[in-house]
Amino acid sequence: MNPRRKKRLATTLAILIGLGVAVGFVLFSMTQNIDLFYTPSEIVNGKNETGVKPQVGQRLRIGGMVVPGSVERDEQSLQVSFGLIDTGPVVTIVYEGILPDLFREGQGIVANGVLRDATTIEAFEVLAKHDEEYMPPDVAEAVGKVHPNGVGGDKQNQGSGY
């Protein structure tokens, strides 16, 4: 092989290795920052398709309805705990901070947090929906609620409820 071909081969290999390393870093960083969506039933029983349950310490996003009568506020701090339900078991959400103005019992919410044990999530963000008609498609499917315009309410309001 002549020197010119060796140089081209070395350059091509260097570029391919560099691209492989870059793709590896991107994929690794994405797995560290992805919040998977779960419902309370999926946290306890596992995903319907695969049966996979979230692991303790995993970041996740959970959606459901606040169980009436379950909101407990700590007198000494801003810590609030409440039950969240879809169609099955209740999961407890613990949140330290000020809840959204639209938060109330019996309302649909989405919380971002970390799974602390099999049925407890320590939330770092709680989002409440803005009206009674809209529900995210994932939550609507899990709860089994179908609106006249399809799953999740009217199409023009989707994405603006949180």
Protein backbone atom coordinates (compact mmCIF):
# COMPACT_ATOMS: atom_id res chain seq x y z
CA MET A 1 0.00 0.00 0.00
CA ASN A 2 1.43 3.35 -0.91
CA PRO A 3 1.90 6.12 1.70
CA ARG A 4 -0.94 8.21 0.31
CA ARG A 5 -3.49 5.39 0.81
CA LYS A 6 -2.15 4.70 4.31
CA LYS A 7 -2.63 8.36 5.22
CA ARG A 8 -6.22 8.35 3.87
CA LEU A 9 -7.00 5.11 5.72
CA ALA A 10 -5.61 6.50 8.99
CA THR A 11 -7.61 9.73 8.58
CA THR A 12 -10.82 7.82 7.80
CA LEU A 13 -10.35 5.52 10.81
CA ALA A 14 -9.65 8.50 13.07
CA ILE A 15 -12.85 10.22 11.91
CA LEU A 16 -14.94 7.06 12.37
CA ILE A 17 -13.54 6.45 15.86
CA GLY A 18 -14.16 10.09 16.78
CA LEU A 19 -17.76 9.90 15.56
CA GLY A 20 -18.28 6.64 17.47
CA VAL A 21 -17.00 8.20 20.69
CA ALA A 22 -19.16 11.31 20.18
CA VAL A 23 -22.30 9.21 19.58
CA GLY A 24 -21.47 7.15 22.67
CA PHE A 25 -21.20 10.28 24.82
CA VAL A 26 -24.51 11.64 23.48
CA LEU A 27 -26.34 8.38 24.15
CA PHE A 28 -24.85 8.11 27.64
CA SER A 29 -25.87 11.67 28.55
CA MET A 30 -29.39 11.12 27.19
CA THR A 31 -29.93 8.08 29.39
CA GLN A 32 -28.94 10.15 32.42
CA ASN A 33 -31.48 12.92 31.67
CA ILE A 34 -34.56 11.09 30.38
CA ASP A 35 -37.66 11.19 32.60
CA LEU A 36 -39.94 8.31 31.61
CA PHE A 37 -43.70 8.79 32.04
CA TYR A 38 -45.54 6.41 34.37
CA THR A 39 -49.00 6.15 35.87
CA PRO A 40 -49.54 5.00 39.47
CA SER A 41 -50.62 1.55 38.22
CA GLU A 42 -47.48 1.23 36.09
CA ILE A 43 -45.26 2.11 39.05
CA VAL A 44 -46.77 -0.66 41.17
CA ASN A 45 -47.52 -3.29 38.50
CA GLY A 46 -45.05 -2.43 35.73
CA LYS A 47 -45.61 -1.20 32.17
CA ASN A 48 -48.43 -3.00 30.32
CA GLU A 49 -46.36 -4.01 27.30
CA THR A 50 -43.15 -5.08 29.03
CA GLY A 51 -43.91 -5.40 32.74
CA VAL A 52 -40.88 -3.22 33.49
CA LYS A 53 -41.08 -1.33 36.80
CA PRO A 54 -39.04 1.77 37.62
CA GLN A 55 -36.09 1.26 39.93
CA VAL A 56 -35.66 3.01 43.28
CA GLY A 57 -33.69 6.20 42.69
CA GLN A 58 -34.85 6.55 39.07
CA ARG A 59 -36.04 9.94 37.83
CA LEU A 60 -39.53 9.78 36.39
CA ARG A 61 -42.66 11.69 35.48
CA ILE A 62 -45.97 10.51 36.90
CA GLY A 63 -49.50 11.58 36.05
CA GLY A 64 -52.84 10.90 37.65
CA MET A 65 -55.61 12.31 39.83
CA VAL A 66 -55.09 13.63 43.37
CA VAL A 67 -57.00 11.40 45.79
CA PRO A 68 -59.66 13.43 47.66
CA GLY A 69 -58.85 13.71 51.37
CA SER A 70 -55.23 12.64 50.94
CA VAL A 71 -53.47 16.03 50.98
CA GLU A 72 -51.38 16.42 54.16
CA ARG A 73 -49.42 19.61 54.82
CA ASP A 74 -46.58 19.89 57.32
CA GLU A 75 -47.20 22.72 59.82
CA GLN A 76 -43.48 23.58 60.14
CA SER A 77 -42.42 23.59 56.48
CA LEU A 78 -43.68 23.68 52.89
CA GLN A 79 -43.70 19.87 52.65
CA VAL A 80 -46.91 18.40 51.24
CA SER A 81 -47.80 14.77 50.64
CA PHE A 82 -50.79 13.45 48.74
CA GLY A 83 -52.06 10.32 47.07
CA LEU A 84 -52.16 9.96 43.29
CA ILE A 85 -54.36 7.43 41.51
CA ASP A 86 -55.39 6.39 38.00
CA THR A 87 -57.45 3.18 37.86
CA GLY A 88 -55.54 1.03 40.33
CA PRO A 89 -53.29 1.44 43.34
CA VAL A 90 -52.49 4.74 45.05
CA VAL A 91 -48.97 6.18 44.96
CA THR A 92 -47.80 8.79 47.49
CA ILE A 93 -46.18 12.00 46.25
CA VAL A 94 -44.01 14.01 48.67
CA TYR A 95 -43.26 17.57 47.56
CA GLU A 96 -41.34 20.38 49.25
CA GLY A 97 -42.42 23.76 47.91
CA ILE A 98 -45.37 25.86 46.88
CA LEU A 99 -48.00 23.99 44.91
CA PRO A 100 -49.55 25.54 41.77
CA ASP A 101 -52.63 27.72 42.30
CA LEU A 102 -54.79 25.27 40.36
CA PHE A 103 -53.76 22.28 42.51
CA ARG A 104 -56.68 20.70 44.39
CA GLU A 105 -58.03 17.31 45.40
CA GLY A 106 -59.69 15.33 42.62
CA GLN A 107 -57.69 17.14 39.92
CA GLY A 108 -55.26 15.73 37.39
CA ILE A 109 -51.59 16.57 37.90
CA VAL A 110 -48.19 15.62 36.55
CA ALA A 111 -45.20 15.43 38.88
CA ASN A 112 -41.50 15.10 38.10
CA GLY A 113 -39.44 13.40 40.76
CA VAL A 114 -37.44 10.45 42.01
CA LEU A 115 -38.81 7.08 43.09
CA ARG A 116 -37.91 6.64 46.80
CA ASP A 117 -39.58 3.28 47.41
CA ALA A 118 -42.14 1.05 45.69
CA THR A 119 -45.03 3.52 46.15
CA THR A 120 -43.43 6.86 47.11
CA ILE A 121 -42.14 9.58 44.79
CA GLU A 122 -40.20 12.57 46.02
CA ALA A 123 -41.27 15.28 43.56
CA PHE A 124 -39.21 18.32 42.62
CA GLU A 125 -41.94 19.74 40.34
CA VAL A 126 -45.74 19.51 40.38
CA LEU A 127 -47.82 20.74 37.44
CA ALA A 128 -51.61 21.17 37.55
CA LYS A 129 -53.90 21.27 34.54
CA HIS A 130 -55.74 24.46 33.65
CA ASP A 131 -59.26 23.24 32.92
CA GLU A 132 -61.59 20.31 33.45
CA GLU A 133 -61.62 19.08 29.84
CA TYR A 134 -57.97 18.70 28.94
CA MET A 135 -55.95 15.66 29.96
CA PRO A 136 -52.61 14.56 28.47
CA PRO A 137 -53.11 11.65 26.05
CA ASP A 138 -50.97 9.26 28.14
CA VAL A 139 -52.95 10.02 31.30
CA ALA A 140 -56.29 9.87 29.44
CA GLU A 141 -55.46 6.41 28.07
CA ALA A 142 -54.37 5.18 31.50
CA VAL A 143 -57.47 6.50 33.22
CA GLY A 144 -59.68 5.34 30.36
CA LYS A 145 -61.23 8.76 29.85
CA VAL A 146 -62.17 9.54 26.26
CA HIS A 147 -63.37 12.98 25.24
CA PRO A 148 -65.73 13.79 22.36
CA ASN A 149 -62.84 15.00 20.16
CA GLY A 150 -60.66 11.98 20.84
CA VAL A 151 -58.33 10.94 23.61
CA GLY A 152 -57.09 13.87 25.70
CA GLY A 153 -59.59 16.57 24.77
CA ASP A 154 -59.62 19.02 21.92
CA LYS A 155 -56.53 19.14 19.76
CA GLN A 156 -55.92 22.88 19.97
CA ASN A 157 -55.45 22.77 23.75
CA GLN A 158 -53.03 19.86 23.78
CA GLY A 159 -49.65 20.84 25.08
CA SER A 160 -50.86 23.99 26.81
CA GLY A 161 -52.28 22.41 29.97
CA TYR A 162 -49.04 22.40 31.94
